[in-house]
């Protein structure tokens, strides 16, 4: 276990380098997951099979020496399979609580859109309040607590689209695309040399950080200056999504808060003492893309949430 890191930049550098031993060609996803972890947010990972979504989650837990749990979402899954239930003990003739897999530090909700809304909603309280209600009892979840949910963007048979309230709980929606040709060549070289990329431990990933490092990094992020003009800029961007002619449903107030927190973390990772408009703009798409509902005419014309957000950002003058 490492000593507590001295700066947020050092924290991110160690995190990035260690994950790079197993996860190749996903630098942006690694950075966004690091920001979400420190900002106490959650991440929705979207990508076709084989792009490293599960590996990313396992590697994060390994590098941070955190407990890892995985739930495979299926149509027959029940809420009790996630949060737990009460079990009758024949010997004591009493009921006891059996905690579900959600009681962990890093939870991989694999193929979250394959379970119906009743099961998806089991995560709502946990993601927002860091706790669950089990048999009428309020139970706190371990700290830190990070949900990494995955979904396949090209396979829709037998899936249940996430409701807007569920998507709004995620800080980021991260798209894992195929690595570049050079990145894929590196993957092949590592496999050929005997490096097992499916298993972070066999890939050489070591626990280089811990819960104390995360807490210290959060404390350091709290010293980053957020000017009133930047705060106004974030609000103006959110309001612009609500007024944009291409958008039927814009960003929520929660989206503004999470973007603000994430921007402070990004600034700290960059070694900056204050948040700049560039920090905000760089996180606008991953923070807002899953919260927007485009109008039918915008979709028919081929526009996407990302392209519309680019238009929205161009209409809002950043502070100087």
C-alpha atoms as a PDB file:
ATOM      1  CA  UNK A   1       0.000   0.000   0.000  1.00  0.00           C
ATOM      2  CA  UNK A   2       1.235   3.456  -0.897  1.00  0.00           C
ATOM      3  CA  UNK A   3       1.681   6.519   1.231  1.00  0.00           C
ATOM      4  CA  UNK A   4      -0.882   9.258   0.723  1.00  0.00           C
ATOM      5  CA  UNK A   5      -0.195  11.148  -2.500  1.00  0.00           C
ATOM      6  CA  UNK A   6       1.009  14.747  -2.173  1.00  0.00           C
ATOM      7  CA  UNK A   7      -0.879  16.296  -5.105  1.00  0.00           C
ATOM      8  CA  UNK A   8      -3.937  15.546  -7.208  1.00  0.00           C
ATOM      9  CA  UNK A   9      -1.710  15.471 -10.282  1.00  0.00           C
ATOM     10  CA  UNK A  10       0.440  12.775  -8.697  1.00  0.00           C
ATOM     11  CA  UNK A  11      -2.689  10.788  -7.820  1.00  0.00           C
ATOM     12  CA  UNK A  12      -3.924  10.882 -11.414  1.00  0.00           C
ATOM     13  CA  UNK A  13      -0.504  10.097 -12.909  1.00  0.00           C
ATOM     14  CA  UNK A  14      -0.132   6.987 -10.768  1.00  0.00           C
ATOM     15  CA  UNK A  15      -3.709   5.931 -11.475  1.00  0.00           C
ATOM     16  CA  UNK A  16      -3.300   6.389 -15.231  1.00  0.00           C
ATOM     17  CA  UNK A  17       0.047   4.616 -15.479  1.00  0.00           C
ATOM     18  CA  UNK A  18      -1.105   1.608 -13.478  1.00  0.00           C
ATOM     19  CA  UNK A  19      -4.314   1.178 -15.472  1.00  0.00           C
ATOM     20  CA  UNK A  20      -2.289   1.482 -18.675  1.00  0.00           C
ATOM     21  CA  UNK A  21      -0.632  -1.854 -17.872  1.00  0.00           C
ATOM     22  CA  UNK A  22      -3.895  -3.650 -18.675  1.00  0.00           C
ATOM     23  CA  UNK A  23      -6.176  -1.162 -20.465  1.00  0.00           C
ATOM     24  CA  UNK A  24      -4.795  -0.083 -23.842  1.00  0.00           C
ATOM     25  CA  UNK A  25      -6.036   2.772 -26.014  1.00  0.00           C
ATOM     26  CA  UNK A  26      -8.713   4.092 -23.639  1.00  0.00           C
ATOM     27  CA  UNK A  27      -6.959   7.124 -22.147  1.00  0.00           C
ATOM     28  CA  UNK A  28     -10.053   9.326 -22.181  1.00  0.00           C
ATOM     29  CA  UNK A  29     -12.152   6.678 -20.430  1.00  0.00           C
ATOM     30  CA  UNK A  30      -9.462   6.237 -17.781  1.00  0.00           C
ATOM     31  CA  UNK A  31      -9.348   9.985 -17.129  1.00  0.00           C
ATOM     32  CA  UNK A  32     -13.133  10.299 -16.877  1.00  0.00           C
ATOM     33  CA  UNK A  33     -13.345   7.345 -14.498  1.00  0.00           C
ATOM     34  CA  UNK A  34     -10.647   8.917 -12.302  1.00  0.00           C
ATOM     35  CA  UNK A  35     -12.551  12.211 -12.257  1.00  0.00           C
ATOM     36  CA  UNK A  36     -15.808  10.447 -11.384  1.00  0.00           C
ATOM     37  CA  UNK A  37     -14.154   8.512  -8.571  1.00  0.00           C
ATOM     38  CA  UNK A  38     -12.782  11.651  -6.911  1.00  0.00           C
ATOM     39  CA  UNK A  39     -15.963  13.652  -7.585  1.00  0.00           C
ATOM     40  CA  UNK A  40     -18.040  10.852  -6.012  1.00  0.00           C
ATOM     41  CA  UNK A  41     -19.927  10.266  -9.249  1.00  0.00           C
ATOM     42  CA  UNK A  42     -20.792   7.187 -11.291  1.00  0.00           C
ATOM     43  CA  UNK A  43     -20.074   6.234 -14.890  1.00  0.00           C
ATOM     44  CA  UNK A  44     -22.159   4.677 -17.652  1.00  0.00           C
ATOM     45  CA  UNK A  45     -19.802   2.859 -20.028  1.00  0.00           C
ATOM     46  CA  UNK A  46     -21.125   2.344 -23.542  1.00  0.00           C
ATOM     47  CA  UNK A  47     -19.273   0.277 -26.102  1.00  0.00           C
ATOM     48  CA  UNK A  48     -19.493  -2.767 -28.325  1.00  0.00           C
ATOM     49  CA  UNK A  49     -18.285  -6.101 -26.904  1.00  0.00           C
ATOM     50  CA  UNK A  50     -14.541  -6.485 -26.603  1.00  0.00           C
ATOM     51  CA  UNK A  51     -13.588  -2.866 -25.977  1.00  0.00           C
ATOM     52  CA  UNK A  52     -12.485  -3.410 -22.375  1.00  0.00           C
ATOM     53  CA  UNK A  53     -15.418  -2.267 -20.242  1.00  0.00           C
ATOM     54  CA  UNK A  54     -15.218  -5.114 -17.737  1.00  0.00           C
ATOM     55  CA  UNK A  55     -11.432  -5.026 -17.732  1.00  0.00           C
ATOM     56  CA  UNK A  56     -11.498  -1.294 -16.955  1.00  0.00           C
ATOM     57  CA  UNK A  57     -13.673  -1.850 -13.879  1.00  0.00           C
ATOM     58  CA  UNK A  58     -11.556  -4.728 -12.550  1.00  0.00           C
ATOM     59  CA  UNK A  59      -8.346  -2.798 -13.112  1.00  0.00           C
ATOM     60  CA  UNK A  60      -9.621   0.271 -11.251  1.00  0.00           C
ATOM     61  CA  UNK A  61     -10.437  -1.861  -8.226  1.00  0.00           C
ATOM     62  CA  UNK A  62      -7.057  -3.595  -8.380  1.00  0.00           C
ATOM     63  CA  UNK A  63      -4.995  -0.406  -8.712  1.00  0.00           C
ATOM     64  CA  UNK A  64      -6.840   1.207  -5.794  1.00  0.00           C
ATOM     65  CA  UNK A  65      -6.888  -1.894  -3.548  1.00  0.00           C
ATOM     66  CA  UNK A  66     -10.670  -1.676  -3.369  1.00  0.00           C
ATOM     67  CA  UNK A  67     -13.274  -4.402  -3.087  1.00  0.00           C
ATOM     68  CA  UNK A  68     -14.813  -5.292  -6.453  1.00  0.00           C
ATOM     69  CA  UNK A  69     -18.271  -6.673  -7.166  1.00  0.00           C
ATOM     70  CA  UNK A  70     -20.066  -7.587 -10.372  1.00  0.00           C
ATOM     71  CA  UNK A  71     -23.751  -8.057 -11.161  1.00  0.00           C
ATOM     72  CA  UNK A  72     -24.782  -9.494 -14.524  1.00  0.00           C
ATOM     73  CA  UNK A  73     -28.096  -7.814 -15.329  1.00  0.00           C
ATOM     74  CA  UNK A  74     -30.617 -10.201 -16.924  1.00  0.00           C
ATOM     75  CA  UNK A  75     -34.393 -10.047 -17.513  1.00  0.00           C
ATOM     76  CA  UNK A  76     -35.074 -12.412 -14.594  1.00  0.00           C
ATOM     77  CA  UNK A  77     -32.942 -10.497 -12.078  1.00  0.00           C
ATOM     78  CA  UNK A  78     -34.701  -9.284  -8.914  1.00  0.00           C
ATOM     79  CA  UNK A  79     -33.935  -6.190  -6.776  1.00  0.00           C
ATOM     80  CA  UNK A  80     -33.057  -8.520  -3.892  1.00  0.00           C
ATOM     81  CA  UNK A  81     -30.314 -10.020  -6.060  1.00  0.00           C
ATOM     82  CA  UNK A  82     -28.594  -6.618  -5.917  1.00  0.00           C
ATOM     83  CA  UNK A  83     -29.302  -5.099  -2.508  1.00  0.00           C
ATOM     84  CA  UNK A  84     -29.906  -8.295  -0.529  1.00  0.00           C
ATOM     85  CA  UNK A  85     -32.772  -9.723   1.487  1.00  0.00           C
ATOM     86  CA  UNK A  86     -33.695 -11.192   4.847  1.00  0.00           C
ATOM     87  CA  UNK A  87     -32.941 -14.882   5.408  1.00  0.00           C
ATOM     88  CA  UNK A  88     -34.505 -17.125   8.042  1.00  0.00           C
ATOM     89  CA  UNK A  89     -32.022 -18.920  10.273  1.00  0.00           C
ATOM     90  CA  UNK A  90     -33.395 -22.317  11.294  1.00  0.00           C
ATOM     91  CA  UNK A  91     -31.054 -22.601  14.262  1.00  0.00           C
ATOM     92  CA  UNK A  92     -31.848 -19.257  15.878  1.00  0.00           C
ATOM     93  CA  UNK A  93     -35.368 -19.095  14.421  1.00  0.00           C
ATOM     94  CA  UNK A  94     -34.812 -15.461  13.516  1.00  0.00           C
ATOM     95  CA  UNK A  95     -34.491 -13.467  10.341  1.00  0.00           C
ATOM     96  CA  UNK A  96     -31.119 -11.956   9.459  1.00  0.00           C
ATOM     97  CA  UNK A  97     -30.070  -9.597   6.692  1.00  0.00           C
ATOM     98  CA  UNK A  98     -28.027 -11.022   3.852  1.00  0.00           C
ATOM     99  CA  UNK A  99     -26.297  -8.177   2.077  1.00  0.00           C
ATOM    100  CA  UNK A 100     -26.203  -8.187  -1.699  1.00  0.00           C
ATOM    101  CA  UNK A 101     -23.273  -7.524  -4.067  1.00  0.00           C
ATOM    102  CA  UNK A 102     -23.970  -3.783  -3.976  1.00  0.00           C
ATOM    103  CA  UNK A 103     -22.078  -3.649  -0.675  1.00  0.00           C
ATOM    104  CA  UNK A 104     -18.692  -3.144  -2.285  1.00  0.00           C
ATOM    105  CA  UNK A 105     -16.400  -0.311  -3.369  1.00  0.00           C
ATOM    106  CA  UNK A 106     -16.418  -0.750  -7.146  1.00  0.00           C
ATOM    107  CA  UNK A 107     -19.618  -2.253  -8.541  1.00  0.00           C
ATOM    108  CA  UNK A 108     -19.766  -3.357 -12.169  1.00  0.00           C
ATOM    109  CA  UNK A 109     -23.417  -3.327 -13.287  1.00  0.00           C
ATOM    110  CA  UNK A 110     -22.849  -5.334 -16.445  1.00  0.00           C
ATOM    111  CA  UNK A 111     -25.341  -4.819 -19.291  1.00  0.00           C
ATOM    112  CA  UNK A 112     -27.579  -2.739 -17.058  1.00  0.00           C
ATOM    113  CA  UNK A 113     -30.133  -2.264 -19.835  1.00  0.00           C
ATOM    114  CA  UNK A 114     -30.943  -5.998 -19.908  1.00  0.00           C
ATOM    115  CA  UNK A 115     -32.929  -5.808 -16.665  1.00  0.00           C
ATOM    116  CA  UNK A 116     -36.381  -4.192 -16.353  1.00  0.00           C
ATOM    117  CA  UNK A 117     -36.883  -0.798 -14.724  1.00  0.00           C
ATOM    118  CA  UNK A 118     -37.881  -2.355 -11.385  1.00  0.00           C
ATOM    119  CA  UNK A 119     -34.410  -3.837 -11.046  1.00  0.00           C
ATOM    120  CA  UNK A 120     -32.595  -0.807 -12.450  1.00  0.00           C
ATOM    121  CA  UNK A 121     -34.337   1.352  -9.866  1.00  0.00           C
ATOM    122  CA  UNK A 122     -32.701  -0.696  -7.105  1.00  0.00           C
ATOM    123  CA  UNK A 123     -29.564   1.307  -7.829  1.00  0.00           C
ATOM    124  CA  UNK A 124     -31.182   4.742  -7.587  1.00  0.00           C
ATOM    125  CA  UNK A 125     -30.996   5.152  -3.818  1.00  0.00           C
ATOM    126  CA  UNK A 126     -27.529   3.634  -3.635  1.00  0.00           C
ATOM    127  CA  UNK A 127     -26.074   5.897  -6.327  1.00  0.00           C
ATOM    128  CA  UNK A 128     -27.544   9.078  -4.909  1.00  0.00           C
ATOM    129  CA  UNK A 129     -27.394   8.542  -1.139  1.00  0.00           C
ATOM    130  CA  UNK A 130     -24.559   5.985  -0.782  1.00  0.00           C
ATOM    131  CA  UNK A 131     -26.911   3.705   1.122  1.00  0.00           C
ATOM    132  CA  UNK A 132     -29.825   1.306   0.716  1.00  0.00           C
ATOM    133  CA  UNK A 133     -33.019   0.497   2.581  1.00  0.00           C
ATOM    134  CA  UNK A 134     -33.116  -3.222   3.302  1.00  0.00           C
ATOM    135  CA  UNK A 135     -36.128  -4.659   5.149  1.00  0.00           C
ATOM    136  CA  UNK A 136     -36.890  -1.201   6.524  1.00  0.00           C
ATOM    137  CA  UNK A 137     -33.362  -0.664   7.809  1.00  0.00           C
ATOM    138  CA  UNK A 138     -31.074   2.077   6.456  1.00  0.00           C
ATOM    139  CA  UNK A 139     -27.646   0.645   5.638  1.00  0.00           C
ATOM    140  CA  UNK A 140     -24.647   2.686   4.543  1.00  0.00           C
ATOM    141  CA  UNK A 141     -22.512   1.493   1.655  1.00  0.00           C
ATOM    142  CA  UNK A 142     -18.723   1.228   1.868  1.00  0.00           C
ATOM    143  CA  UNK A 143     -16.676   4.313   1.046  1.00  0.00           C
ATOM    144  CA  UNK A 144     -15.561   4.976  -1.613  1.00  0.00           C
ATOM    145  CA  UNK A 145     -18.439   3.683  -3.721  1.00  0.00           C
ATOM    146  CA  UNK A 146     -18.325   3.752  -7.522  1.00  0.00           C
ATOM    147  CA  UNK A 147     -20.866   2.268  -9.937  1.00  0.00           C
ATOM    148  CA  UNK A 148     -19.602   1.432 -13.407  1.00  0.00           C
ATOM    149  CA  UNK A 149     -22.550   0.349 -15.545  1.00  0.00           C
ATOM    150  CA  UNK A 150     -22.132  -1.014 -19.060  1.00  0.00           C
ATOM    151  CA  UNK A 151     -24.402  -1.212 -22.061  1.00  0.00           C
ATOM    152  CA  UNK A 152     -24.065  -2.293 -25.673  1.00  0.00           C
ATOM    153  CA  UNK A 153     -25.083   0.484 -28.114  1.00  0.00           C
ATOM    154  CA  UNK A 154     -25.776  -1.798 -31.091  1.00  0.00           C
ATOM    155  CA  UNK A 155     -27.834  -4.644 -29.621  1.00  0.00           C
ATOM    156  CA  UNK A 156     -31.397  -3.722 -28.647  1.00  0.00           C
ATOM    157  CA  UNK A 157     -33.243  -7.067 -28.633  1.00  0.00           C
ATOM    158  CA  UNK A 158     -34.213  -8.019 -25.098  1.00  0.00           C
ATOM    159  CA  UNK A 159     -33.100  -4.703 -23.602  1.00  0.00           C
ATOM    160  CA  UNK A 160     -34.868  -2.084 -21.501  1.00  0.00           C
ATOM    161  CA  UNK A 161     -33.703   1.497 -22.172  1.00  0.00           C
ATOM    162  CA  UNK A 162     -32.616   3.299 -19.031  1.00  0.00           C
ATOM    163  CA  UNK A 163     -35.248   5.814 -17.861  1.00  0.00           C
ATOM    164  CA  UNK A 164     -34.227   9.466 -17.721  1.00  0.00           C
ATOM    165  CA  UNK A 165     -34.179   9.454 -13.897  1.00  0.00           C
ATOM    166  CA  UNK A 166     -31.711   6.574 -13.907  1.00  0.00           C
ATOM    167  CA  UNK A 167     -29.418   8.144 -16.496  1.00  0.00           C
ATOM    168  CA  UNK A 168     -29.414  11.413 -14.577  1.00  0.00           C
ATOM    169  CA  UNK A 169     -27.714   9.625 -11.650  1.00  0.00           C
ATOM    170  CA  UNK A 170     -24.586   9.040 -13.739  1.00  0.00           C
ATOM    171  CA  UNK A 171     -21.954  11.753 -13.749  1.00  0.00           C
ATOM    172  CA  UNK A 172     -20.573  10.682 -17.129  1.00  0.00           C
ATOM    173  CA  UNK A 173     -21.601   8.614 -20.098  1.00  0.00           C
ATOM    174  CA  UNK A 174     -18.321   7.347 -21.518  1.00  0.00           C
ATOM    175  CA  UNK A 175     -18.068   5.812 -24.953  1.00  0.00           C
ATOM    176  CA  UNK A 176     -15.400   3.150 -25.368  1.00  0.00           C
ATOM    177  CA  UNK A 177     -14.498   3.018 -29.038  1.00  0.00           C
ATOM    178  CA  UNK A 178     -12.035   0.680 -30.677  1.00  0.00           C
ATOM    179  CA  UNK A 179      -8.415   1.606 -29.969  1.00  0.00           C
ATOM    180  CA  UNK A 180      -6.331   3.130 -32.735  1.00  0.00           C
ATOM    181  CA  UNK A 181      -4.441   0.812 -35.062  1.00  0.00           C
ATOM    182  CA  UNK A 182      -1.291   1.384 -32.997  1.00  0.00           C
ATOM    183  CA  UNK A 183      -3.209   0.604 -29.827  1.00  0.00           C
ATOM    184  CA  UNK A 184      -4.533  -2.644 -31.249  1.00  0.00           C
ATOM    185  CA  UNK A 185      -1.034  -3.586 -32.392  1.00  0.00           C
ATOM    186  CA  UNK A 186       0.133  -3.071 -28.799  1.00  0.00           C
ATOM    187  CA  UNK A 187      -2.655  -5.347 -27.538  1.00  0.00           C
ATOM    188  CA  UNK A 188      -1.564  -8.091 -29.922  1.00  0.00           C
ATOM    189  CA  UNK A 189       2.092  -7.688 -28.890  1.00  0.00           C
ATOM    190  CA  UNK A 190       1.224  -8.019 -25.218  1.00  0.00           C
ATOM    191  CA  UNK A 191      -0.864 -11.129 -25.763  1.00  0.00           C
ATOM    192  CA  UNK A 192       1.863 -12.672 -27.909  1.00  0.00           C
ATOM    193  CA  UNK A 193       4.455 -11.981 -25.209  1.00  0.00           C
ATOM    194  CA  UNK A 194       2.341 -13.857 -22.677  1.00  0.00           C
ATOM    195  CA  UNK A 195       0.783 -10.886 -20.832  1.00  0.00           C
ATOM    196  CA  UNK A 196      -2.748 -11.898 -19.795  1.00  0.00           C
ATOM    197  CA  UNK A 197      -4.805  -8.754 -20.382  1.00  0.00           C
ATOM    198  CA  UNK A 198      -8.057 -10.309 -19.151  1.00  0.00           C
ATOM    199  CA  UNK A 199      -6.682 -10.397 -15.620  1.00  0.00           C
ATOM    200  CA  UNK A 200      -5.258  -7.128 -14.195  1.00  0.00           C
ATOM    201  CA  UNK A 201      -3.087  -9.068 -11.734  1.00  0.00           C
ATOM    202  CA  UNK A 202      -1.488 -11.179 -14.475  1.00  0.00           C
ATOM    203  CA  UNK A 203      -1.046  -8.017 -16.538  1.00  0.00           C
ATOM    204  CA  UNK A 204       1.142  -6.616 -13.755  1.00  0.00           C
ATOM    205  CA  UNK A 205      -1.320  -4.179 -12.178  1.00  0.00           C
ATOM    206  CA  UNK A 206      -0.465  -3.543  -8.522  1.00  0.00           C
ATOM    207  CA  UNK A 207      -2.341  -1.711  -5.731  1.00  0.00           C
ATOM    208  CA  UNK A 208      -0.492   1.613  -5.947  1.00  0.00           C
ATOM    209  CA  UNK A 209      -3.201   3.765  -4.335  1.00  0.00           C
ATOM    210  CA  UNK A 210      -5.804   3.325  -1.657  1.00  0.00           C
ATOM    211  CA  UNK A 211      -8.863   4.793   0.034  1.00  0.00           C
ATOM    212  CA  UNK A 212      -6.678   7.234   1.989  1.00  0.00           C
ATOM    213  CA  UNK A 213      -5.245   8.559  -1.289  1.00  0.00           C
ATOM    214  CA  UNK A 214      -8.750   9.108  -2.643  1.00  0.00           C
ATOM    215  CA  UNK A 215      -9.795  11.017   0.468  1.00  0.00           C
ATOM    216  CA  UNK A 216      -6.661  13.181   0.349  1.00  0.00           C
ATOM    217  CA  UNK A 217      -7.211  13.880  -3.349  1.00  0.00           C
ATOM    218  CA  UNK A 218     -10.766  14.976  -2.588  1.00  0.00           C
ATOM    219  CA  UNK A 219      -9.433  17.323   0.087  1.00  0.00           C
ATOM    220  CA  UNK A 220      -6.972  18.822  -2.386  1.00  0.00           C
ATOM    221  CA  UNK A 221      -9.713  19.298  -4.967  1.00  0.00           C
ATOM    222  CA  UNK A 222     -11.579  21.336  -2.363  1.00  0.00           C
ATOM    223  CA  UNK A 223      -8.819  23.952  -2.510  1.00  0.00           C
ATOM    224  CA  UNK A 224      -9.316  24.576  -6.251  1.00  0.00           C
ATOM    225  CA  UNK A 225     -10.838  27.995  -6.835  1.00  0.00           C
ATOM    226  CA  UNK A 226     -14.167  28.148  -8.645  1.00  0.00           C
ATOM    227  CA  UNK A 227     -14.836  31.720  -9.727  1.00  0.00           C
ATOM    228  CA  UNK A 228     -18.372  33.074  -9.792  1.00  0.00           C
ATOM    229  CA  UNK A 229     -18.014  33.619 -13.552  1.00  0.00           C
ATOM    230  CA  UNK A 230     -17.293  29.897 -14.069  1.00  0.00           C
ATOM    231  CA  UNK A 231     -20.287  28.985 -11.946  1.00  0.00           C
ATOM    232  CA  UNK A 232     -22.444  31.270 -14.087  1.00  0.00           C
ATOM    233  CA  UNK A 233     -20.951  29.728 -17.243  1.00  0.00           C
ATOM    234  CA  UNK A 234     -22.018  26.250 -16.113  1.00  0.00           C
ATOM    235  CA  UNK A 235     -25.551  27.461 -15.405  1.00  0.00           C
ATOM    236  CA  UNK A 236     -25.721  29.262 -18.766  1.00  0.00           C
ATOM    237  CA  UNK A 237     -24.693  26.074 -20.578  1.00  0.00           C
ATOM    238  CA  UNK A 238     -27.379  24.046 -18.830  1.00  0.00           C
ATOM    239  CA  UNK A 239     -30.047  26.695 -19.498  1.00  0.00           C
ATOM    240  CA  UNK A 240     -28.960  26.822 -23.148  1.00  0.00           C
ATOM    241  CA  UNK A 241     -29.685  23.090 -23.496  1.00  0.00           C
ATOM    242  CA  UNK A 242     -33.217  23.681 -22.203  1.00  0.00           C
ATOM    243  CA  UNK A 243     -33.816  26.495 -24.696  1.00  0.00           C
ATOM    244  CA  UNK A 244     -32.124  24.929 -27.713  1.00  0.00           C
ATOM    245  CA  UNK A 245     -34.568  24.259 -30.581  1.00  0.00           C
ATOM    246  CA  UNK A 246     -32.958  20.847 -31.195  1.00  0.00           C
ATOM    247  CA  UNK A 247     -33.582  19.614 -27.619  1.00  0.00           C
ATOM    248  CA  UNK A 248     -36.876  18.542 -26.049  1.00  0.00           C
ATOM    249  CA  UNK A 249     -35.418  17.877 -22.579  1.00  0.00           C
ATOM    250  CA  UNK A 250     -32.289  19.657 -21.391  1.00  0.00           C
ATOM    251  CA  UNK A 251     -29.804  19.203 -18.573  1.00  0.00           C
ATOM    252  CA  UNK A 252     -31.045  19.071 -14.989  1.00  0.00           C
ATOM    253  CA  UNK A 253     -29.882  21.010 -11.952  1.00  0.00           C
ATOM    254  CA  UNK A 254     -28.110  17.823 -10.815  1.00  0.00           C
ATOM    255  CA  UNK A 255     -26.201  17.919 -14.103  1.00  0.00           C
ATOM    256  CA  UNK A 256     -24.971  21.435 -13.284  1.00  0.00           C
ATOM    257  CA  UNK A 257     -23.773  20.378  -9.838  1.00  0.00           C
ATOM    258  CA  UNK A 258     -21.968  17.301 -11.122  1.00  0.00           C
ATOM    259  CA  UNK A 259     -20.319  19.233 -13.969  1.00  0.00           C
ATOM    260  CA  UNK A 260     -19.088  21.805 -11.455  1.00  0.00           C
ATOM    261  CA  UNK A 261     -17.611  19.135  -9.177  1.00  0.00           C
ATOM    262  CA  UNK A 262     -16.023  17.288 -12.092  1.00  0.00           C
ATOM    263  CA  UNK A 263     -14.491  20.492 -13.472  1.00  0.00           C
ATOM    264  CA  UNK A 264     -12.757  21.133 -10.147  1.00  0.00           C
ATOM    265  CA  UNK A 265     -11.303  17.619 -10.200  1.00  0.00           C
ATOM    266  CA  UNK A 266     -10.116  18.059 -13.794  1.00  0.00           C
ATOM    267  CA  UNK A 267      -8.419  21.319 -12.852  1.00  0.00           C
ATOM    268  CA  UNK A 268      -6.709  19.652  -9.888  1.00  0.00           C
ATOM    269  CA  UNK A 269      -5.498  16.784 -12.095  1.00  0.00           C
ATOM    270  CA  UNK A 270      -4.002  19.373 -14.463  1.00  0.00           C
ATOM    271  CA  UNK A 271      -2.200  21.057 -11.577  1.00  0.00           C
ATOM    272  CA  UNK A 272      -4.286  24.214 -11.898  1.00  0.00           C
ATOM    273  CA  UNK A 273      -5.271  26.262  -8.858  1.00  0.00           C
ATOM    274  CA  UNK A 274      -8.527  27.372 -10.473  1.00  0.00           C
ATOM    275  CA  UNK A 275     -11.161  26.108 -12.903  1.00  0.00           C
ATOM    276  CA  UNK A 276     -11.073  27.517 -16.443  1.00  0.00           C
ATOM    277  CA  UNK A 277     -13.781  27.522 -19.132  1.00  0.00           C
ATOM    278  CA  UNK A 278     -11.716  24.911 -20.986  1.00  0.00           C
ATOM    279  CA  UNK A 279     -12.065  22.488 -18.075  1.00  0.00           C
ATOM    280  CA  UNK A 280     -15.839  22.901 -18.233  1.00  0.00           C
ATOM    281  CA  UNK A 281     -16.082  22.591 -22.019  1.00  0.00           C
ATOM    282  CA  UNK A 282     -13.905  19.467 -22.066  1.00  0.00           C
ATOM    283  CA  UNK A 283     -16.375  17.683 -19.772  1.00  0.00           C
ATOM    284  CA  UNK A 284     -19.584  19.063 -21.270  1.00  0.00           C
ATOM    285  CA  UNK A 285     -20.286  16.177 -23.665  1.00  0.00           C
ATOM    286  CA  UNK A 286     -19.665  13.243 -21.282  1.00  0.00           C
ATOM    287  CA  UNK A 287     -21.547  15.043 -18.491  1.00  0.00           C
ATOM    288  CA  UNK A 288     -24.600  16.082 -20.533  1.00  0.00           C
ATOM    289  CA  UNK A 289     -24.928  13.691 -23.500  1.00  0.00           C
ATOM    290  CA  UNK A 290     -27.027  11.099 -21.653  1.00  0.00           C
ATOM    291  CA  UNK A 291     -29.323  13.694 -20.090  1.00  0.00           C
ATOM    292  CA  UNK A 292     -30.615  15.207 -23.330  1.00  0.00           C
ATOM    293  CA  UNK A 293     -33.721  14.199 -25.243  1.00  0.00           C
ATOM    294  CA  UNK A 294     -33.482  15.392 -28.824  1.00  0.00           C
ATOM    295  CA  UNK A 295     -36.512  16.466 -30.821  1.00  0.00           C
ATOM    296  CA  UNK A 296     -37.548  14.030 -33.573  1.00  0.00           C
ATOM    297  CA  UNK A 297     -36.672  16.488 -36.335  1.00  0.00           C
ATOM    298  CA  UNK A 298     -33.133  16.825 -34.967  1.00  0.00           C
ATOM    299  CA  UNK A 299     -32.685  13.058 -34.931  1.00  0.00           C
ATOM    300  CA  UNK A 300     -34.081  12.709 -38.443  1.00  0.00           C
ATOM    301  CA  UNK A 301     -31.567  15.285 -39.677  1.00  0.00           C
ATOM    302  CA  UNK A 302     -28.753  13.122 -38.298  1.00  0.00           C
ATOM    303  CA  UNK A 303     -27.862  15.200 -35.260  1.00  0.00           C
ATOM    304  CA  UNK A 304     -26.561  13.537 -32.101  1.00  0.00           C
ATOM    305  CA  UNK A 305     -26.378  14.736 -28.486  1.00  0.00           C
ATOM    306  CA  UNK A 306     -22.680  15.450 -28.965  1.00  0.00           C
ATOM    307  CA  UNK A 307     -23.176  17.492 -32.127  1.00  0.00           C
ATOM    308  CA  UNK A 308     -26.022  19.441 -30.525  1.00  0.00           C
ATOM    309  CA  UNK A 309     -23.921  20.107 -27.420  1.00  0.00           C
ATOM    310  CA  UNK A 310     -21.199  21.479 -29.668  1.00  0.00           C
ATOM    311  CA  UNK A 311     -23.747  23.896 -31.130  1.00  0.00           C
ATOM    312  CA  UNK A 312     -24.991  24.834 -27.658  1.00  0.00           C
ATOM    313  CA  UNK A 313     -21.458  25.551 -26.449  1.00  0.00           C
ATOM    314  CA  UNK A 314     -20.841  27.793 -29.453  1.00  0.00           C
ATOM    315  CA  UNK A 315     -23.891  29.887 -28.504  1.00  0.00           C
ATOM    316  CA  UNK A 316     -22.708  30.552 -24.941  1.00  0.00           C
ATOM    317  CA  UNK A 317     -19.900  33.060 -24.549  1.00  0.00           C
ATOM    318  CA  UNK A 318     -17.301  31.780 -22.055  1.00  0.00           C
ATOM    319  CA  UNK A 319     -16.044  34.137 -19.350  1.00  0.00           C
ATOM    320  CA  UNK A 320     -12.688  35.858 -19.655  1.00  0.00           C
END
